[in-house]
Amino acid sequence: MKNKVRMLFAVLLSVTMLTACGEDPELTQFRKSVDDFCTKVSEIDTSINNIDAQSEEASTELLEYLDELDVVFQSFARLDFPEEFDYLEGLATESSDYMKEAVSSYHDAYSNGSYNEYMADYASENYARAYKRIQIIIAFLHGEEPDDADLTIEYPNPDNE
């Protein structure tokens, strides 16, 4: 998770630097929303990393932070992406769906006062999938094309629009 925090800080800085004077207000608002999303995720991630694992309340704290993270991802998925980034909205929705599944699975993993390793592994996989989609979105917002063997890019065809 610490690597994700570093990545989000880098993204936050980059998004801030990409905001230009005289830019389209819709694009400026979108970038601010992305910046806010990255900041909130970073804050929650820091809180998760600061949980005392030996505390009796550790699992409760973790689940509360994960619930908060789920809400942040859902908000991100509801963003209205500017026209030039419309193709990323599906990834934002997928990311939110994976985070929702991850959080639900973490709740199941810690339910009934026990720990279910299978459910925790499943939750972790979904958590990673959610973050992977965010990394891809951020890369495209920076004008980069992610180098991922599992990624299929469907560019809009201007002739068919």
Protein backbone atom coordinates (compact mmCIF):
# COMPACT_ATOMS: atom_id res chain seq x y z
CA MET A 1 0.00 0.00 0.00
CA LYS A 2 2.89 2.37 0.63
CA ASN A 3 3.81 2.17 -3.07
CA LYS A 4 0.26 3.18 -3.92
CA VAL A 5 0.55 6.22 -1.66
CA ARG A 6 3.75 7.26 -3.42
CA MET A 7 2.09 6.72 -6.79
CA LEU A 8 -0.91 8.78 -5.77
CA PHE A 9 1.28 11.64 -4.53
CA ALA A 10 3.11 11.61 -7.86
CA VAL A 11 -0.22 11.60 -9.67
CA LEU A 12 -1.51 14.40 -7.50
CA LEU A 13 1.53 16.52 -8.27
CA SER A 14 1.31 15.74 -11.99
CA VAL A 15 -2.39 16.52 -12.22
CA THR A 16 -1.81 19.81 -10.44
CA MET A 17 1.01 20.67 -12.82
CA LEU A 18 -1.11 19.82 -15.87
CA THR A 19 -3.78 22.36 -14.96
CA ALA A 20 -3.16 25.35 -17.21
CA CYS A 21 -4.37 28.94 -17.16
CA GLY A 22 -7.14 29.72 -19.63
CA GLU A 23 -8.14 26.07 -19.83
CA ASP A 24 -11.64 24.82 -20.47
CA PRO A 25 -13.61 25.20 -17.19
CA GLU A 26 -15.10 21.71 -17.54
CA LEU A 27 -11.64 20.20 -17.91
CA THR A 28 -10.32 22.27 -15.01
CA GLN A 29 -13.18 21.06 -12.78
CA PHE A 30 -12.58 17.48 -13.87
CA ARG A 31 -8.89 17.72 -13.04
CA LYS A 32 -9.77 19.21 -9.65
CA SER A 33 -12.14 16.28 -9.04
CA VAL A 34 -9.40 13.81 -9.97
CA ASP A 35 -7.00 15.69 -7.71
CA ASP A 36 -9.53 15.53 -4.84
CA PHE A 37 -10.04 11.81 -5.47
CA CYS A 38 -6.29 11.15 -5.32
CA THR A 39 -5.95 13.21 -2.14
CA LYS A 40 -8.81 11.36 -0.41
CA VAL A 41 -7.46 7.96 -1.44
CA SER A 42 -4.01 8.93 -0.21
CA GLU A 43 -5.40 10.10 3.15
CA ILE A 44 -7.37 6.89 3.63
CA ASP A 45 -4.38 4.79 2.59
CA THR A 46 -2.20 6.61 5.13
CA SER A 47 -4.81 5.98 7.83
CA ILE A 48 -4.93 2.29 6.93
CA ASN A 49 -1.15 2.04 7.10
CA ASN A 50 -1.19 3.70 10.54
CA ILE A 51 -3.55 1.14 12.10
CA ASP A 52 -1.95 -0.64 15.04
CA ALA A 53 -2.20 -4.26 13.89
CA GLN A 54 -1.94 -5.44 17.52
CA SER A 55 -4.97 -3.43 18.59
CA GLU A 56 -8.20 -5.25 19.38
CA GLU A 57 -9.97 -2.69 17.18
CA ALA A 58 -7.63 -3.11 14.18
CA SER A 59 -10.08 -5.04 12.01
CA THR A 60 -12.93 -2.66 12.87
CA GLU A 61 -10.77 0.35 11.99
CA LEU A 62 -9.66 -1.29 8.75
CA LEU A 63 -13.22 -2.04 7.69
CA GLU A 64 -14.32 1.52 8.48
CA TYR A 65 -11.53 2.96 6.33
CA LEU A 66 -12.35 0.50 3.55
CA ASP A 67 -16.01 1.56 3.68
CA GLU A 68 -14.85 5.16 3.30
CA LEU A 69 -12.60 4.15 0.39
CA ASP A 70 -15.55 2.44 -1.29
CA VAL A 71 -17.57 5.66 -1.11
CA VAL A 72 -14.67 7.64 -2.62
CA PHE A 73 -14.36 5.16 -5.51
CA GLN A 74 -18.12 5.29 -6.10
CA SER A 75 -17.93 9.09 -6.27
CA PHE A 76 -15.09 8.85 -8.76
CA ALA A 77 -17.12 6.50 -10.95
CA ARG A 78 -19.99 9.02 -11.00
CA LEU A 79 -17.76 11.80 -12.35
CA ASP A 80 -18.76 13.14 -15.73
CA PHE A 81 -15.57 12.72 -17.73
CA PRO A 82 -14.91 15.43 -20.36
CA GLU A 83 -15.59 14.37 -23.93
CA GLU A 84 -11.92 13.71 -24.72
CA PHE A 85 -11.77 11.23 -21.82
CA ASP A 86 -15.21 9.62 -22.18
CA TYR A 87 -13.56 6.32 -23.07
CA LEU A 88 -12.23 6.12 -19.50
CA GLU A 89 -15.63 6.21 -17.78
CA GLY A 90 -16.05 2.45 -18.13
CA LEU A 91 -12.72 1.89 -16.35
CA ALA A 92 -13.82 4.20 -13.53
CA THR A 93 -17.02 2.19 -13.15
CA GLU A 94 -15.09 -1.10 -13.21
CA SER A 95 -12.70 0.26 -10.59
CA SER A 96 -15.60 1.18 -8.33
CA ASP A 97 -17.23 -2.22 -8.87
CA TYR A 98 -14.00 -4.01 -7.96
CA MET A 99 -13.54 -1.84 -4.87
CA LYS A 100 -17.12 -2.52 -3.79
CA GLU A 101 -16.50 -6.27 -4.14
CA ALA A 102 -13.19 -5.97 -2.30
CA VAL A 103 -14.73 -4.11 0.62
CA SER A 104 -17.65 -6.53 0.84
CA SER A 105 -15.22 -9.46 0.79
CA TYR A 106 -13.04 -7.90 3.48
CA HIS A 107 -16.15 -7.57 5.64
CA ASP A 108 -16.86 -11.26 5.01
CA ALA A 109 -13.24 -12.16 5.77
CA TYR A 110 -13.46 -10.55 9.21
CA SER A 111 -17.05 -11.50 10.06
CA ASN A 112 -18.12 -13.47 13.12
CA GLY A 113 -14.97 -12.54 15.03
CA SER A 114 -12.80 -14.78 12.88
CA TYR A 115 -10.56 -14.43 9.85
CA ASN A 116 -11.23 -16.16 6.54
CA GLU A 117 -8.00 -16.22 4.55
CA TYR A 118 -9.73 -17.31 1.33
CA MET A 119 -12.08 -14.31 1.46
CA ALA A 120 -9.22 -11.97 2.35
CA ASP A 121 -7.23 -13.19 -0.68
CA TYR A 122 -10.27 -12.70 -2.91
CA ALA A 123 -10.75 -9.22 -1.46
CA SER A 124 -7.09 -8.39 -2.03
CA GLU A 125 -7.32 -9.43 -5.69
CA ASN A 126 -10.33 -7.17 -6.24
CA TYR A 127 -8.62 -4.35 -4.38
CA ALA A 128 -5.61 -4.67 -6.70
CA ARG A 129 -7.89 -4.71 -9.76
CA ALA A 130 -9.57 -1.50 -8.61
CA TYR A 131 -6.23 0.25 -8.17
CA LYS A 132 -4.92 -1.08 -11.48
CA ARG A 133 -7.80 0.59 -13.31
CA ILE A 134 -7.13 3.86 -11.52
CA GLN A 135 -3.46 3.66 -12.54
CA ILE A 136 -4.52 3.14 -16.16
CA ILE A 137 -6.93 6.09 -16.02
CA ILE A 138 -4.24 8.33 -14.53
CA ALA A 139 -1.75 7.25 -17.20
CA PHE A 140 -4.19 8.16 -19.98
CA LEU A 141 -4.99 11.49 -18.30
CA HIS A 142 -1.27 12.24 -18.45
CA GLY A 143 -1.20 11.45 -22.14
CA GLU A 144 0.64 8.17 -21.63
CA GLU A 145 -0.37 4.80 -22.97
CA PRO A 146 0.00 2.14 -20.26
CA ASP A 147 2.17 -0.80 -21.20
CA ASP A 148 0.03 -3.69 -19.99
CA ALA A 149 -0.29 -7.01 -21.80
CA ASP A 150 -3.84 -7.46 -20.51
CA LEU A 151 -5.02 -4.04 -21.65
CA THR A 152 -7.10 -3.68 -24.79
CA ILE A 153 -7.58 -0.13 -25.99
CA GLU A 154 -10.59 0.76 -28.09
CA TYR A 155 -10.17 4.25 -29.47
CA PRO A 156 -13.26 6.07 -30.66
CA ASN A 157 -13.59 6.03 -34.44
CA PRO A 158 -14.27 9.59 -35.62
CA ASP A 159 -15.87 8.25 -38.82
CA ASN A 160 -18.56 6.39 -36.84
CA GLU A 161 -19.47 9.14 -34.39
